[in-house]
Amino acid sequence: MGEHDRVMCPLVEEMIENIDCIENSDAVDGLIKKSSVPDRFKGKPEWENICRECQWHNY
């Protein structure tokens, strides 16, 4: 895997695959349905804001 094939996700506080990050960001930005985001990423209150403020948002 390359340098950024996995990134630290503040939503689950663990390394996730970059495609999961991209899909979560796209959902938060309204490009895809939020229902497509797995529940494990939506466990924290304000999960959308946490995602928007993450350094990897718009990866």
PDB file of N, CA and C in Angstrom:
ATOM      1  N   MET A   1       0.838  -1.189   0.000  1.00  0.00           N
ATOM      2  CA  MET A   1       0.000   0.000   0.000  1.00  0.00           C
ATOM      3  C   MET A   1       0.876   1.244   0.000  1.00  0.00           C
ATOM      4  N   GLY A   2       0.342   2.286  -0.637  1.00  0.00           N
ATOM      5  CA  GLY A   2       1.081   3.531  -0.695  1.00  0.00           C
ATOM      6  C   GLY A   2       0.988   4.298   0.607  1.00  0.00           C
ATOM      7  N   GLU A   3       1.639   5.433   0.609  1.00  0.00           N
ATOM      8  CA  GLU A   3       1.738   6.257   1.821  1.00  0.00           C
ATOM      9  C   GLU A   3       0.376   6.642   2.406  1.00  0.00           C
ATOM     10  N   HIS A   4      -0.593   6.959   1.544  1.00  0.00           N
ATOM     11  CA  HIS A   4      -1.889   7.418   2.043  1.00  0.00           C
ATOM     12  C   HIS A   4      -3.031   6.498   1.601  1.00  0.00           C
ATOM     13  N   ASP A   5      -2.762   5.196   1.518  1.00  0.00           N
ATOM     14  CA  ASP A   5      -3.828   4.244   1.217  1.00  0.00           C
ATOM     15  C   ASP A   5      -4.729   4.062   2.427  1.00  0.00           C
ATOM     16  N   ARG A   6      -4.227   4.439   3.591  1.00  0.00           N
ATOM     17  CA  ARG A   6      -5.000   4.403   4.838  1.00  0.00           C
ATOM     18  C   ARG A   6      -4.753   5.724   5.548  1.00  0.00           C
ATOM     19  N   VAL A   7      -5.795   6.254   6.148  1.00  0.00           N
ATOM     20  CA  VAL A   7      -5.683   7.531   6.859  1.00  0.00           C
ATOM     21  C   VAL A   7      -6.321   7.399   8.239  1.00  0.00           C
ATOM     22  N   MET A   8      -5.891   8.240   9.161  1.00  0.00           N
ATOM     23  CA  MET A   8      -6.468   8.248  10.507  1.00  0.00           C
ATOM     24  C   MET A   8      -7.806   8.976  10.460  1.00  0.00           C
ATOM     25  N   CYS A   9      -8.857   8.275  10.854  1.00  0.00           N
ATOM     26  CA  CYS A   9     -10.201   8.844  10.822  1.00  0.00           C
ATOM     27  C   CYS A   9     -10.629   9.231  12.235  1.00  0.00           C
ATOM     28  N   PRO A  10     -10.937  10.508  12.462  1.00  0.00           N
ATOM     29  CA  PRO A  10     -11.369  10.938  13.795  1.00  0.00           C
ATOM     30  C   PRO A  10     -12.765  10.451  14.160  1.00  0.00           C
ATOM     31  N   LEU A  11     -13.507   9.948  13.202  1.00  0.00           N
ATOM     32  CA  LEU A  11     -14.842   9.439  13.496  1.00  0.00           C
ATOM     33  C   LEU A  11     -14.792   8.110  14.241  1.00  0.00           C
ATOM     34  N   VAL A  12     -13.786   7.307  13.924  1.00  0.00           N
ATOM     35  CA  VAL A  12     -13.644   5.992  14.572  1.00  0.00           C
ATOM     36  C   VAL A  12     -12.315   5.856  15.312  1.00  0.00           C
ATOM     37  N   GLU A  13     -11.488   6.906  15.203  1.00  0.00           N
ATOM     38  CA  GLU A  13     -10.192   6.951  15.872  1.00  0.00           C
ATOM     39  C   GLU A  13      -9.326   5.733  15.553  1.00  0.00           C
ATOM     40  N   GLU A  14      -9.280   5.417  14.259  1.00  0.00           N
ATOM     41  CA  GLU A  14      -8.421   4.340  13.770  1.00  0.00           C
ATOM     42  C   GLU A  14      -8.117   4.577  12.298  1.00  0.00           C
ATOM     43  N   MET A  15      -7.160   3.845  11.794  1.00  0.00           N
ATOM     44  CA  MET A  15      -6.798   3.944  10.392  1.00  0.00           C
ATOM     45  C   MET A  15      -7.895   3.282   9.563  1.00  0.00           C
ATOM     46  N   ILE A  16      -8.298   3.972   8.494  1.00  0.00           N
ATOM     47  CA  ILE A  16      -9.301   3.423   7.581  1.00  0.00           C
ATOM     48  C   ILE A  16      -8.750   3.498   6.156  1.00  0.00           C
ATOM     49  N   GLU A  17      -9.346   2.736   5.255  1.00  0.00           N
ATOM     50  CA  GLU A  17      -8.939   2.798   3.855  1.00  0.00           C
ATOM     51  C   GLU A  17      -9.345   4.149   3.276  1.00  0.00           C
ATOM     52  N   ASN A  18      -8.521   4.648   2.372  1.00  0.00           N
ATOM     53  CA  ASN A  18      -8.785   5.974   1.810  1.00  0.00           C
ATOM     54  C   ASN A  18     -10.130   6.036   1.083  1.00  0.00           C
ATOM     55  N   ILE A  19     -10.587   4.937   0.496  1.00  0.00           N
ATOM     56  CA  ILE A  19     -11.869   4.956  -0.198  1.00  0.00           C
ATOM     57  C   ILE A  19     -13.023   5.182   0.782  1.00  0.00           C
ATOM     58  N   ASP A  20     -12.909   4.642   1.999  1.00  0.00           N
ATOM     59  CA  ASP A  20     -13.934   4.895   3.018  1.00  0.00           C
ATOM     60  C   ASP A  20     -13.962   6.376   3.374  1.00  0.00           C
ATOM     61  N   CYS A  21     -12.801   6.963   3.477  1.00  0.00           N
ATOM     62  CA  CYS A  21     -12.681   8.393   3.771  1.00  0.00           C
ATOM     63  C   CYS A  21     -13.326   9.220   2.657  1.00  0.00           C
ATOM     64  N   ILE A  22     -13.024   8.882   1.440  1.00  0.00           N
ATOM     65  CA  ILE A  22     -13.566   9.613   0.292  1.00  0.00           C
ATOM     66  C   ILE A  22     -15.085   9.511   0.258  1.00  0.00           C
ATOM     67  N   GLU A  23     -15.608   8.310   0.480  1.00  0.00           N
ATOM     68  CA  GLU A  23     -17.055   8.124   0.459  1.00  0.00           C
ATOM     69  C   GLU A  23     -17.739   8.888   1.596  1.00  0.00           C
ATOM     70  N   ASN A  24     -17.143   8.851   2.784  1.00  0.00           N
ATOM     71  CA  ASN A  24     -17.708   9.599   3.912  1.00  0.00           C
ATOM     72  C   ASN A  24     -17.724  11.095   3.600  1.00  0.00           C
ATOM     73  N   SER A  25     -16.627  11.606   3.083  1.00  0.00           N
ATOM     74  CA  SER A  25     -16.534  13.030   2.735  1.00  0.00           C
ATOM     75  C   SER A  25     -17.571  13.399   1.683  1.00  0.00           C
ATOM     76  N   ASP A  26     -17.719  12.552   0.681  1.00  0.00           N
ATOM     77  CA  ASP A  26     -18.703  12.816  -0.376  1.00  0.00           C
ATOM     78  C   ASP A  26     -20.119  12.856   0.194  1.00  0.00           C
ATOM     79  N   ALA A  27     -20.421  11.988   1.138  1.00  0.00           N
ATOM     80  CA  ALA A  27     -21.747  11.975   1.760  1.00  0.00           C
ATOM     81  C   ALA A  27     -21.977  13.248   2.573  1.00  0.00           C
ATOM     82  N   VAL A  28     -20.983  13.642   3.344  1.00  0.00           N
ATOM     83  CA  VAL A  28     -21.093  14.865   4.149  1.00  0.00           C
ATOM     84  C   VAL A  28     -21.269  16.088   3.245  1.00  0.00           C
ATOM     85  N   ASP A  29     -20.633  16.070   2.088  1.00  0.00           N
ATOM     86  CA  ASP A  29     -20.735  17.192   1.151  1.00  0.00           C
ATOM     87  C   ASP A  29     -21.982  17.127   0.271  1.00  0.00           C
ATOM     88  N   GLY A  30     -22.797  16.090   0.453  1.00  0.00           N
ATOM     89  CA  GLY A  30     -24.040  15.979  -0.295  1.00  0.00           C
ATOM     90  C   GLY A  30     -23.908  15.400  -1.685  1.00  0.00           C
ATOM     91  N   LEU A  31     -22.759  14.813  -1.997  1.00  0.00           N
ATOM     92  CA  LEU A  31     -22.550  14.248  -3.327  1.00  0.00           C
ATOM     93  C   LEU A  31     -23.154  12.855  -3.459  1.00  0.00           C
ATOM     94  N   ILE A  32     -23.240  12.142  -2.343  1.00  0.00           N
ATOM     95  CA  ILE A  32     -23.908  10.846  -2.287  1.00  0.00           C
ATOM     96  C   ILE A  32     -24.780  10.830  -1.038  1.00  0.00           C
ATOM     97  N   LYS A  33     -25.653   9.849  -0.937  1.00  0.00           N
ATOM     98  CA  LYS A  33     -26.582   9.785   0.194  1.00  0.00           C
ATOM     99  C   LYS A  33     -25.868   9.491   1.505  1.00  0.00           C
ATOM    100  N   LYS A  34     -26.262  10.200   2.556  1.00  0.00           N
ATOM    101  CA  LYS A  34     -25.680   9.962   3.878  1.00  0.00           C
ATOM    102  C   LYS A  34     -26.014   8.577   4.396  1.00  0.00           C
ATOM    103  N   SER A  35     -27.082   7.999   3.906  1.00  0.00           N
ATOM    104  CA  SER A  35     -27.451   6.644   4.323  1.00  0.00           C
ATOM    105  C   SER A  35     -26.426   5.614   3.856  1.00  0.00           C
ATOM    106  N   SER A  36     -25.562   5.980   2.914  1.00  0.00           N
ATOM    107  CA  SER A  36     -24.531   5.058   2.440  1.00  0.00           C
ATOM    108  C   SER A  36     -23.337   4.975   3.393  1.00  0.00           C
ATOM    109  N   VAL A  37     -23.250   5.906   4.336  1.00  0.00           N
ATOM    110  CA  VAL A  37     -22.162   5.904   5.317  1.00  0.00           C
ATOM    111  C   VAL A  37     -22.444   4.807   6.352  1.00  0.00           C
ATOM    112  N   PRO A  38     -21.504   3.884   6.546  1.00  0.00           N
ATOM    113  CA  PRO A  38     -21.715   2.838   7.549  1.00  0.00           C
ATOM    114  C   PRO A  38     -21.929   3.433   8.947  1.00  0.00           C
ATOM    115  N   ASP A  39     -22.765   2.776   9.719  1.00  0.00           N
ATOM    116  CA  ASP A  39     -23.118   3.271  11.057  1.00  0.00           C
ATOM    117  C   ASP A  39     -21.898   3.499  11.942  1.00  0.00           C
ATOM    118  N   ARG A  40     -20.852   2.711  11.762  1.00  0.00           N
ATOM    119  CA  ARG A  40     -19.680   2.858  12.628  1.00  0.00           C
ATOM    120  C   ARG A  40     -19.050   4.248  12.510  1.00  0.00           C
ATOM    121  N   PHE A  41     -19.264   4.925  11.384  1.00  0.00           N
ATOM    122  CA  PHE A  41     -18.716   6.265  11.198  1.00  0.00           C
ATOM    123  C   PHE A  41     -19.654   7.354  11.728  1.00  0.00           C
ATOM    124  N   LYS A  42     -20.883   7.000  12.062  1.00  0.00           N
ATOM    125  CA  LYS A  42     -21.873   7.982  12.493  1.00  0.00           C
ATOM    126  C   LYS A  42     -22.170   7.892  13.989  1.00  0.00           C
ATOM    127  N   GLY A  43     -21.291   7.283  14.746  1.00  0.00           N
ATOM    128  CA  GLY A  43     -21.529   7.066  16.165  1.00  0.00           C
ATOM    129  C   GLY A  43     -21.334   8.281  17.052  1.00  0.00           C
ATOM    130  N   LYS A  44     -20.541   9.223  16.611  1.00  0.00           N
ATOM    131  CA  LYS A  44     -20.273  10.415  17.429  1.00  0.00           C
ATOM    132  C   LYS A  44     -21.279  11.519  17.094  1.00  0.00           C
ATOM    133  N   PRO A  45     -21.713  12.251  18.139  1.00  0.00           N
ATOM    134  CA  PRO A  45     -22.540  13.436  17.851  1.00  0.00           C
ATOM    135  C   PRO A  45     -21.721  14.385  16.969  1.00  0.00           C
ATOM    136  N   GLU A  46     -22.392  15.068  16.101  1.00  0.00           N
ATOM    137  CA  GLU A  46     -21.704  16.026  15.215  1.00  0.00           C
ATOM    138  C   GLU A  46     -20.707  15.340  14.275  1.00  0.00           C
ATOM    139  N   TRP A  47     -20.969  14.090  13.901  1.00  0.00           N
ATOM    140  CA  TRP A  47     -20.034  13.348  13.058  1.00  0.00           C
ATOM    141  C   TRP A  47     -19.769  14.052  11.731  1.00  0.00           C
ATOM    142  N   GLU A  48     -20.776  14.725  11.218  1.00  0.00           N
ATOM    143  CA  GLU A  48     -20.585  15.426   9.945  1.00  0.00           C
ATOM    144  C   GLU A  48     -19.583  16.574  10.093  1.00  0.00           C
ATOM    145  N   ASN A  49     -19.704  17.345  11.161  1.00  0.00           N
ATOM    146  CA  ASN A  49     -18.762  18.441  11.391  1.00  0.00           C
ATOM    147  C   ASN A  49     -17.355  17.915  11.638  1.00  0.00           C
ATOM    148  N   ILE A  50     -17.250  16.814  12.358  1.00  0.00           N
ATOM    149  CA  ILE A  50     -15.938  16.215  12.610  1.00  0.00           C
ATOM    150  C   ILE A  50     -15.291  15.835  11.287  1.00  0.00           C
ATOM    151  N   CYS A  51     -16.073  15.248  10.410  1.00  0.00           N
ATOM    152  CA  CYS A  51     -15.558  14.861   9.092  1.00  0.00           C
ATOM    153  C   CYS A  51     -15.136  16.097   8.291  1.00  0.00           C
ATOM    154  N   ARG A  52     -15.988  17.116   8.275  1.00  0.00           N
ATOM    155  CA  ARG A  52     -15.669  18.341   7.519  1.00  0.00           C
ATOM    156  C   ARG A  52     -14.367  18.991   7.997  1.00  0.00           C
ATOM    157  N   GLU A  53     -14.107  18.916   9.294  1.00  0.00           N
ATOM    158  CA  GLU A  53     -12.930  19.576   9.859  1.00  0.00           C
ATOM    159  C   GLU A  53     -11.668  18.715   9.805  1.00  0.00           C
ATOM    160  N   CYS A  54     -11.805  17.482   9.372  1.00  0.00           N
ATOM    161  CA  CYS A  54     -10.664  16.571   9.328  1.00  0.00           C
ATOM    162  C   CYS A  54      -9.665  17.003   8.240  1.00  0.00           C
ATOM    163  N   GLN A  55      -8.408  16.774   8.504  1.00  0.00           N
ATOM    164  CA  GLN A  55      -7.368  17.121   7.522  1.00  0.00           C
ATOM    165  C   GLN A  55      -7.514  16.336   6.216  1.00  0.00           C
ATOM    166  N   TRP A  56      -8.175  15.203   6.260  1.00  0.00           N
ATOM    167  CA  TRP A  56      -8.313  14.362   5.072  1.00  0.00           C
ATOM    168  C   TRP A  56      -9.597  14.640   4.298  1.00  0.00           C
ATOM    169  N   HIS A  57     -10.466  15.527   4.819  1.00  0.00           N
ATOM    170  CA  HIS A  57     -11.670  15.882   4.079  1.00  0.00           C
ATOM    171  C   HIS A  57     -11.219  16.470   2.737  1.00  0.00           C
ATOM    172  N   ASN A  58     -11.902  16.118   1.677  1.00  0.00           N
ATOM    173  CA  ASN A  58     -11.514  16.514   0.305  1.00  0.00           C
ATOM    174  C   ASN A  58     -10.242  15.833  -0.155  1.00  0.00           C
ATOM    175  N   TYR A  59      -9.959  14.664   0.394  1.00  0.00           N
ATOM    176  CA  TYR A  59      -8.763  13.876   0.061  1.00  0.00           C
ATOM    177  C   TYR A  59      -8.675  13.591  -1.404  1.00  0.00           C
TER     178      TYR A  59
END
